[in-house]
Amino acid sequence: HSDQDLVILVSIGGWIRGTQVVSGSVAANYDERSAKLLRQPALVGFIHAKLNDVSPDLRNDPLVKNVNDQLTNLEKLVTFPTGKSPSPDDVRKVNSVVSDLIQQIQHK
């Protein structure tokens, strides 16, 4: 795989881990202001597009396919009106999705 593919995958993994930490912290100590940090639809869309730029053989890897599928789900979860906060349940859903992805990545 090219260096560019690896850079993309490492960057996405870092974002997933960062989102896990932030959403876990917000879920444990919910406050509307902090929860607004999870509103990142443009960033998730950008990450999703970058993942589609990796080589076809890597894009067809089962883990990469699953991450790609889950990014679609995450994009919906982090899309809420400007100025609004996600509910505590929505924050837990984000944390659950990214935590599952981290588990899968760690077991690859």
C-alpha atoms as a PDB file:
ATOM      1  CA  HIS A   1       0.000   0.000   0.000  1.00  0.00           C
ATOM      2  CA  SER A   2       1.166   3.496  -0.670  1.00  0.00           C
ATOM      3  CA  ASP A   3       2.371   5.852   2.023  1.00  0.00           C
ATOM      4  CA  GLN A   4      -0.619   8.057   1.230  1.00  0.00           C
ATOM      5  CA  ASP A   5      -3.013   5.181   2.001  1.00  0.00           C
ATOM      6  CA  LEU A   6      -1.311   4.633   5.352  1.00  0.00           C
ATOM      7  CA  VAL A   7      -1.409   8.347   6.184  1.00  0.00           C
ATOM      8  CA  ILE A   8      -5.150   8.383   5.479  1.00  0.00           C
ATOM      9  CA  LEU A   9      -5.813   5.293   7.603  1.00  0.00           C
ATOM     10  CA  VAL A  10      -3.708   6.515  10.532  1.00  0.00           C
ATOM     11  CA  SER A  11      -5.400   9.927  10.411  1.00  0.00           C
ATOM     12  CA  ILE A  12      -8.849   8.342  10.407  1.00  0.00           C
ATOM     13  CA  GLY A  13      -7.867   6.053  13.271  1.00  0.00           C
ATOM     14  CA  GLY A  14      -6.645   9.058  15.241  1.00  0.00           C
ATOM     15  CA  TRP A  15      -9.896  10.908  14.665  1.00  0.00           C
ATOM     16  CA  ILE A  16     -11.921   7.845  15.712  1.00  0.00           C
ATOM     17  CA  ARG A  17      -9.883   7.528  18.918  1.00  0.00           C
ATOM     18  CA  GLY A  18     -10.174  11.244  19.651  1.00  0.00           C
ATOM     19  CA  THR A  19     -13.925  11.097  19.133  1.00  0.00           C
ATOM     20  CA  GLN A  20     -14.096   8.117  21.483  1.00  0.00           C
ATOM     21  CA  VAL A  21     -12.286  10.066  24.217  1.00  0.00           C
ATOM     22  CA  VAL A  22     -14.361  13.239  23.781  1.00  0.00           C
ATOM     23  CA  SER A  23     -17.714  11.460  23.515  1.00  0.00           C
ATOM     24  CA  GLY A  24     -16.856   9.254  26.505  1.00  0.00           C
ATOM     25  CA  SER A  25     -15.978  12.281  28.602  1.00  0.00           C
ATOM     26  CA  VAL A  26     -19.108  14.155  27.536  1.00  0.00           C
ATOM     27  CA  ALA A  27     -21.281  11.087  28.190  1.00  0.00           C
ATOM     28  CA  ALA A  28     -19.805  10.658  31.677  1.00  0.00           C
ATOM     29  CA  ASN A  29     -20.234  14.347  32.573  1.00  0.00           C
ATOM     30  CA  TYR A  30     -22.931  15.568  30.203  1.00  0.00           C
ATOM     31  CA  ASP A  31     -23.201  19.268  29.638  1.00  0.00           C
ATOM     32  CA  GLU A  32     -24.816  20.827  26.592  1.00  0.00           C
ATOM     33  CA  ARG A  33     -21.916  23.154  25.833  1.00  0.00           C
ATOM     34  CA  SER A  34     -19.371  20.337  25.758  1.00  0.00           C
ATOM     35  CA  ALA A  35     -21.723  18.106  23.775  1.00  0.00           C
ATOM     36  CA  LYS A  36     -21.745  20.677  20.966  1.00  0.00           C
ATOM     37  CA  LEU A  37     -18.113  19.696  20.283  1.00  0.00           C
ATOM     38  CA  LEU A  38     -19.455  16.547  18.649  1.00  0.00           C
ATOM     39  CA  ARG A  39     -21.128  18.511  15.843  1.00  0.00           C
ATOM     40  CA  GLN A  40     -18.693  17.656  13.042  1.00  0.00           C
ATOM     41  CA  PRO A  41     -20.656  16.697   9.914  1.00  0.00           C
ATOM     42  CA  ALA A  42     -18.276  18.447   7.502  1.00  0.00           C
ATOM     43  CA  LEU A  43     -15.256  16.782   9.086  1.00  0.00           C
ATOM     44  CA  VAL A  44     -16.862  13.344   8.950  1.00  0.00           C
ATOM     45  CA  GLY A  45     -17.801  13.970   5.320  1.00  0.00           C
ATOM     46  CA  PHE A  46     -14.203  14.945   4.551  1.00  0.00           C
ATOM     47  CA  ILE A  47     -12.856  11.847   6.329  1.00  0.00           C
ATOM     48  CA  HIS A  48     -15.347   9.685   4.454  1.00  0.00           C
ATOM     49  CA  ALA A  49     -14.178  11.167   1.145  1.00  0.00           C
ATOM     50  CA  LYS A  50     -10.509  10.591   2.052  1.00  0.00           C
ATOM     51  CA  LEU A  51     -11.241   6.956   2.863  1.00  0.00           C
ATOM     52  CA  ASN A  52     -12.677   6.592  -0.621  1.00  0.00           C
ATOM     53  CA  ASP A  53      -9.313   7.816  -1.967  1.00  0.00           C
ATOM     54  CA  VAL A  54      -7.373   4.780  -0.730  1.00  0.00           C
ATOM     55  CA  SER A  55      -6.390   2.085  -3.194  1.00  0.00           C
ATOM     56  CA  PRO A  56      -9.207  -0.256  -4.298  1.00  0.00           C
ATOM     57  CA  ASP A  57      -7.658  -3.364  -2.718  1.00  0.00           C
ATOM     58  CA  LEU A  58      -7.405  -1.592   0.641  1.00  0.00           C
ATOM     59  CA  ARG A  59     -10.865  -0.056   0.284  1.00  0.00           C
ATOM     60  CA  ASN A  60     -12.234  -3.611  -0.124  1.00  0.00           C
ATOM     61  CA  ASP A  61     -10.622  -4.829   3.105  1.00  0.00           C
ATOM     62  CA  PRO A  62     -13.479  -5.907   5.443  1.00  0.00           C
ATOM     63  CA  LEU A  63     -12.341  -3.604   8.263  1.00  0.00           C
ATOM     64  CA  VAL A  64     -11.951  -0.605   5.951  1.00  0.00           C
ATOM     65  CA  LYS A  65     -15.385  -1.328   4.451  1.00  0.00           C
ATOM     66  CA  ASN A  66     -16.908  -1.443   7.922  1.00  0.00           C
ATOM     67  CA  VAL A  67     -15.216   1.816   8.954  1.00  0.00           C
ATOM     68  CA  ASN A  68     -16.561   3.372   5.753  1.00  0.00           C
ATOM     69  CA  ASP A  69     -20.079   2.120   6.533  1.00  0.00           C
ATOM     70  CA  GLN A  70     -19.887   3.355  10.117  1.00  0.00           C
ATOM     71  CA  LEU A  71     -18.718   6.793   8.967  1.00  0.00           C
ATOM     72  CA  THR A  72     -22.070   7.132   7.198  1.00  0.00           C
ATOM     73  CA  ASN A  73     -23.793   6.308  10.479  1.00  0.00           C
ATOM     74  CA  LEU A  74     -21.529   8.678  12.428  1.00  0.00           C
ATOM     75  CA  GLU A  75     -22.159  11.500   9.977  1.00  0.00           C
ATOM     76  CA  LYS A  76     -25.874  11.255  10.791  1.00  0.00           C
ATOM     77  CA  LEU A  77     -25.183  11.149  14.537  1.00  0.00           C
ATOM     78  CA  VAL A  78     -22.985  14.268  14.523  1.00  0.00           C
ATOM     79  CA  THR A  79     -25.318  16.270  12.293  1.00  0.00           C
ATOM     80  CA  PHE A  80     -27.624  18.402  14.376  1.00  0.00           C
ATOM     81  CA  PRO A  81     -28.680  22.045  14.056  1.00  0.00           C
ATOM     82  CA  THR A  82     -26.120  24.747  14.764  1.00  0.00           C
ATOM     83  CA  GLY A  83     -26.570  26.012  18.295  1.00  0.00           C
ATOM     84  CA  LYS A  84     -28.262  22.807  19.426  1.00  0.00           C
ATOM     85  CA  SER A  85     -26.681  20.090  21.517  1.00  0.00           C
ATOM     86  CA  PRO A  86     -27.009  16.351  21.021  1.00  0.00           C
ATOM     87  CA  SER A  87     -28.952  14.591  23.746  1.00  0.00           C
ATOM     88  CA  PRO A  88     -27.111  12.443  26.300  1.00  0.00           C
ATOM     89  CA  ASP A  89     -28.461   9.402  24.422  1.00  0.00           C
ATOM     90  CA  ASP A  90     -27.051  10.698  21.120  1.00  0.00           C
ATOM     91  CA  VAL A  91     -23.657  11.218  22.767  1.00  0.00           C
ATOM     92  CA  ARG A  92     -23.744   7.634  24.048  1.00  0.00           C
ATOM     93  CA  LYS A  93     -24.605   6.409  20.529  1.00  0.00           C
ATOM     94  CA  VAL A  94     -21.599   8.250  19.065  1.00  0.00           C
ATOM     95  CA  ASN A  95     -19.386   6.794  21.779  1.00  0.00           C
ATOM     96  CA  SER A  96     -20.747   3.300  21.167  1.00  0.00           C
ATOM     97  CA  VAL A  97     -20.076   3.431  17.415  1.00  0.00           C
ATOM     98  CA  VAL A  98     -16.521   4.743  17.749  1.00  0.00           C
ATOM     99  CA  SER A  99     -15.751   2.381  20.652  1.00  0.00           C
ATOM    100  CA  ASP A 100     -16.856  -0.580  18.524  1.00  0.00           C
ATOM    101  CA  LEU A 101     -14.631   0.639  15.689  1.00  0.00           C
ATOM    102  CA  ILE A 102     -11.652   0.982  18.052  1.00  0.00           C
ATOM    103  CA  GLN A 103     -12.191  -2.604  19.227  1.00  0.00           C
ATOM    104  CA  GLN A 104     -12.249  -3.849  15.637  1.00  0.00           C
ATOM    105  CA  ILE A 105      -9.150  -1.864  14.695  1.00  0.00           C
ATOM    106  CA  GLN A 106      -7.235  -3.139  17.722  1.00  0.00           C
ATOM    107  CA  HIS A 107      -8.071  -6.739  16.854  1.00  0.00           C
ATOM    108  CA  LYS A 108      -6.995  -6.417  13.202  1.00  0.00           C
END
